[in-house]
Amino acid sequence: VRFEFGQRGLSEANEAALDALVEALSGCNDVEIVVEGHTDASGGALANVRMSRLRADSVAAFLAARLTNDIPIFTSGFGDARPVAPNDTREGRAQNRRIEITVLSKVTEE
């Protein structure tokens, strides 16, 4: 899931991708979701952390509204601390404005 500069709302393409994830998770009750927000290096560090958290929360809210099973969703925002591309090009900055979603198997103790 990627975002335009300064945006936290989901595009139709993002919603479609997240709907596919919701469909894949239907019937799963032994997983949890981790949503991590990231930004490019434009702007200040505090603003970037805030934006990354808002993006993660936006995705988590979308998933929570559509999931029919009780899957825990955890969010965090890393700002520009974990780039996947150089921030010195437009393309690199676009790649860094993203959400990473991890689906983990719940550990249960018996």
C-alpha atoms as a PDB file:
ATOM      1  CA  VAL A   1       0.000   0.000   0.000  1.00  0.00           C
ATOM      2  CA  ARG A   2       1.532   3.311  -1.097  1.00  0.00           C
ATOM      3  CA  PHE A   3       0.534   6.936  -0.521  1.00  0.00           C
ATOM      4  CA  GLU A   4       0.846  10.256  -2.297  1.00  0.00           C
ATOM      5  CA  PHE A   5       2.942  12.927  -0.584  1.00  0.00           C
ATOM      6  CA  GLY A   6       1.199  14.301   2.500  1.00  0.00           C
ATOM      7  CA  GLN A   7      -1.771  11.942   2.158  1.00  0.00           C
ATOM      8  CA  ARG A   8      -3.091   9.351   4.578  1.00  0.00           C
ATOM      9  CA  GLY A   9      -6.320   8.401   2.806  1.00  0.00           C
ATOM     10  CA  LEU A  10      -6.651   5.190   0.843  1.00  0.00           C
ATOM     11  CA  SER A  11      -6.899   5.204  -2.936  1.00  0.00           C
ATOM     12  CA  GLU A  12      -9.254   2.870  -4.798  1.00  0.00           C
ATOM     13  CA  ALA A  13      -6.259   0.714  -5.746  1.00  0.00           C
ATOM     14  CA  ASN A  14      -5.209   0.507  -2.085  1.00  0.00           C
ATOM     15  CA  GLU A  15      -8.747  -0.430  -1.046  1.00  0.00           C
ATOM     16  CA  ALA A  16      -8.851  -3.153  -3.693  1.00  0.00           C
ATOM     17  CA  ALA A  17      -5.556  -4.606  -2.462  1.00  0.00           C
ATOM     18  CA  LEU A  18      -6.754  -4.513   1.137  1.00  0.00           C
ATOM     19  CA  ASP A  19     -10.079  -6.117   0.162  1.00  0.00           C
ATOM     20  CA  ALA A  20      -8.069  -8.979  -1.363  1.00  0.00           C
ATOM     21  CA  LEU A  21      -6.252  -9.381   1.958  1.00  0.00           C
ATOM     22  CA  VAL A  22      -9.572  -9.393   3.839  1.00  0.00           C
ATOM     23  CA  GLU A  23     -10.851 -12.109   1.502  1.00  0.00           C
ATOM     24  CA  ALA A  24      -7.711 -14.180   2.016  1.00  0.00           C
ATOM     25  CA  LEU A  25      -8.098 -13.894   5.794  1.00  0.00           C
ATOM     26  CA  SER A  26     -11.751 -14.878   5.920  1.00  0.00           C
ATOM     27  CA  GLY A  27     -12.070 -17.912   8.147  1.00  0.00           C
ATOM     28  CA  CYS A  28      -8.678 -17.343   9.785  1.00  0.00           C
ATOM     29  CA  ASN A  29      -8.859 -16.964  13.535  1.00  0.00           C
ATOM     30  CA  ASP A  30      -5.341 -17.923  14.536  1.00  0.00           C
ATOM     31  CA  VAL A  31      -3.515 -14.925  13.086  1.00  0.00           C
ATOM     32  CA  GLU A  32      -2.741 -11.334  13.967  1.00  0.00           C
ATOM     33  CA  ILE A  33      -1.961  -8.405  11.694  1.00  0.00           C
ATOM     34  CA  VAL A  34       0.879  -5.936  12.088  1.00  0.00           C
ATOM     35  CA  VAL A  35       0.531  -2.685  10.106  1.00  0.00           C
ATOM     36  CA  GLU A  36       3.696  -0.563   9.852  1.00  0.00           C
ATOM     37  CA  GLY A  37       3.624   2.961   8.436  1.00  0.00           C
ATOM     38  CA  HIS A  38       6.556   4.626   6.679  1.00  0.00           C
ATOM     39  CA  THR A  39       7.248   7.982   5.020  1.00  0.00           C
ATOM     40  CA  ASP A  40       9.863   9.505   2.793  1.00  0.00           C
ATOM     41  CA  ALA A  41      12.456  11.874   4.282  1.00  0.00           C
ATOM     42  CA  SER A  42      10.599  15.051   3.289  1.00  0.00           C
ATOM     43  CA  GLY A  43       9.562  17.090   6.298  1.00  0.00           C
ATOM     44  CA  GLY A  44      10.616  16.918   9.910  1.00  0.00           C
ATOM     45  CA  ALA A  45      11.188  13.738  11.866  1.00  0.00           C
ATOM     46  CA  LEU A  46       8.246  14.253  14.246  1.00  0.00           C
ATOM     47  CA  ALA A  47       5.856  15.082  11.396  1.00  0.00           C
ATOM     48  CA  ASN A  48       7.000  11.986   9.532  1.00  0.00           C
ATOM     49  CA  VAL A  49       6.420   9.717  12.525  1.00  0.00           C
ATOM     50  CA  ARG A  50       2.969  11.251  13.002  1.00  0.00           C
ATOM     51  CA  MET A  51       2.084  10.782   9.317  1.00  0.00           C
ATOM     52  CA  SER A  52       3.326   7.193   9.314  1.00  0.00           C
ATOM     53  CA  ARG A  53       1.149   6.446  12.352  1.00  0.00           C
ATOM     54  CA  LEU A  54      -1.883   8.082  10.734  1.00  0.00           C
ATOM     55  CA  ARG A  55      -1.363   5.972   7.615  1.00  0.00           C
ATOM     56  CA  ALA A  56      -1.048   2.783   9.638  1.00  0.00           C
ATOM     57  CA  ASP A  57      -4.175   3.684  11.614  1.00  0.00           C
ATOM     58  CA  SER A  58      -6.069   4.382   8.382  1.00  0.00           C
ATOM     59  CA  VAL A  59      -5.220   0.941   7.010  1.00  0.00           C
ATOM     60  CA  ALA A  60      -6.003  -0.743  10.325  1.00  0.00           C
ATOM     61  CA  ALA A  61      -9.399   0.961  10.508  1.00  0.00           C
ATOM     62  CA  PHE A  62     -10.205  -0.152   6.955  1.00  0.00           C
ATOM     63  CA  LEU A  63      -9.256  -3.751   7.755  1.00  0.00           C
ATOM     64  CA  ALA A  64     -11.112  -3.790  11.072  1.00  0.00           C
ATOM     65  CA  ALA A  65     -14.281  -2.519   9.396  1.00  0.00           C
ATOM     66  CA  ARG A  66     -14.217  -5.266   6.766  1.00  0.00           C
ATOM     67  CA  LEU A  67     -12.921  -8.294   8.644  1.00  0.00           C
ATOM     68  CA  THR A  68     -15.732 -10.530   9.871  1.00  0.00           C
ATOM     69  CA  ASN A  69     -13.520 -12.488  12.247  1.00  0.00           C
ATOM     70  CA  ASP A  70     -11.857 -11.193  15.387  1.00  0.00           C
ATOM     71  CA  ILE A  71      -8.278 -10.709  14.207  1.00  0.00           C
ATOM     72  CA  PRO A  72      -6.117  -8.436  16.361  1.00  0.00           C
ATOM     73  CA  ILE A  73      -4.487  -5.574  14.463  1.00  0.00           C
ATOM     74  CA  PHE A  74      -1.382  -3.797  15.802  1.00  0.00           C
ATOM     75  CA  THR A  75      -0.036  -0.569  14.307  1.00  0.00           C
ATOM     76  CA  SER A  76       3.182   1.392  14.480  1.00  0.00           C
ATOM     77  CA  GLY A  77       4.748   4.297  12.635  1.00  0.00           C
ATOM     78  CA  PHE A  78       8.430   4.531  11.796  1.00  0.00           C
ATOM     79  CA  GLY A  79       8.518   7.820   9.918  1.00  0.00           C
ATOM     80  CA  ASP A  80      11.476   7.883   7.534  1.00  0.00           C
ATOM     81  CA  ALA A  81      13.689   5.596   9.653  1.00  0.00           C
ATOM     82  CA  ARG A  82      13.362   2.511   7.424  1.00  0.00           C
ATOM     83  CA  PRO A  83      13.620   3.541   3.776  1.00  0.00           C
ATOM     84  CA  VAL A  84      13.462   0.903   1.048  1.00  0.00           C
ATOM     85  CA  ALA A  85      14.828   3.281  -1.606  1.00  0.00           C
ATOM     86  CA  PRO A  86      17.006   6.409  -1.709  1.00  0.00           C
ATOM     87  CA  ASN A  87      15.149   9.601  -0.803  1.00  0.00           C
ATOM     88  CA  ASP A  88      17.058  11.690  -3.349  1.00  0.00           C
ATOM     89  CA  THR A  89      14.748  10.851  -6.270  1.00  0.00           C
ATOM     90  CA  ARG A  90      11.007  11.255  -6.773  1.00  0.00           C
ATOM     91  CA  GLU A  91      10.674   7.516  -7.447  1.00  0.00           C
ATOM     92  CA  GLY A  92      12.603   6.605  -4.309  1.00  0.00           C
ATOM     93  CA  ARG A  93      10.508   8.907  -2.132  1.00  0.00           C
ATOM     94  CA  ALA A  94       7.326   7.413  -3.609  1.00  0.00           C
ATOM     95  CA  GLN A  95       8.528   3.900  -2.707  1.00  0.00           C
ATOM     96  CA  ASN A  96       9.226   4.985   0.865  1.00  0.00           C
ATOM     97  CA  ARG A  97       5.678   6.345   1.434  1.00  0.00           C
ATOM     98  CA  ARG A  98       4.181   2.979   2.214  1.00  0.00           C
ATOM     99  CA  ILE A  99       2.478   0.597   4.583  1.00  0.00           C
ATOM    100  CA  GLU A 100       3.881  -2.841   5.239  1.00  0.00           C
ATOM    101  CA  ILE A 101       1.431  -5.456   6.453  1.00  0.00           C
ATOM    102  CA  THR A 102       2.555  -8.657   8.123  1.00  0.00           C
ATOM    103  CA  VAL A 103       0.204 -11.498   8.992  1.00  0.00           C
ATOM    104  CA  LEU A 104       1.550 -13.594  11.844  1.00  0.00           C
ATOM    105  CA  SER A 105       0.380 -16.874  13.291  1.00  0.00           C
ATOM    106  CA  LYS A 106      -0.769 -16.410  16.873  1.00  0.00           C
ATOM    107  CA  VAL A 107       1.294 -18.228  19.435  1.00  0.00           C
ATOM    108  CA  THR A 108      -0.975 -20.075  21.819  1.00  0.00           C
ATOM    109  CA  GLU A 109       0.087 -21.778  24.988  1.00  0.00           C
ATOM    110  CA  GLU A 110      -1.614 -24.978  25.950  1.00  0.00           C
END
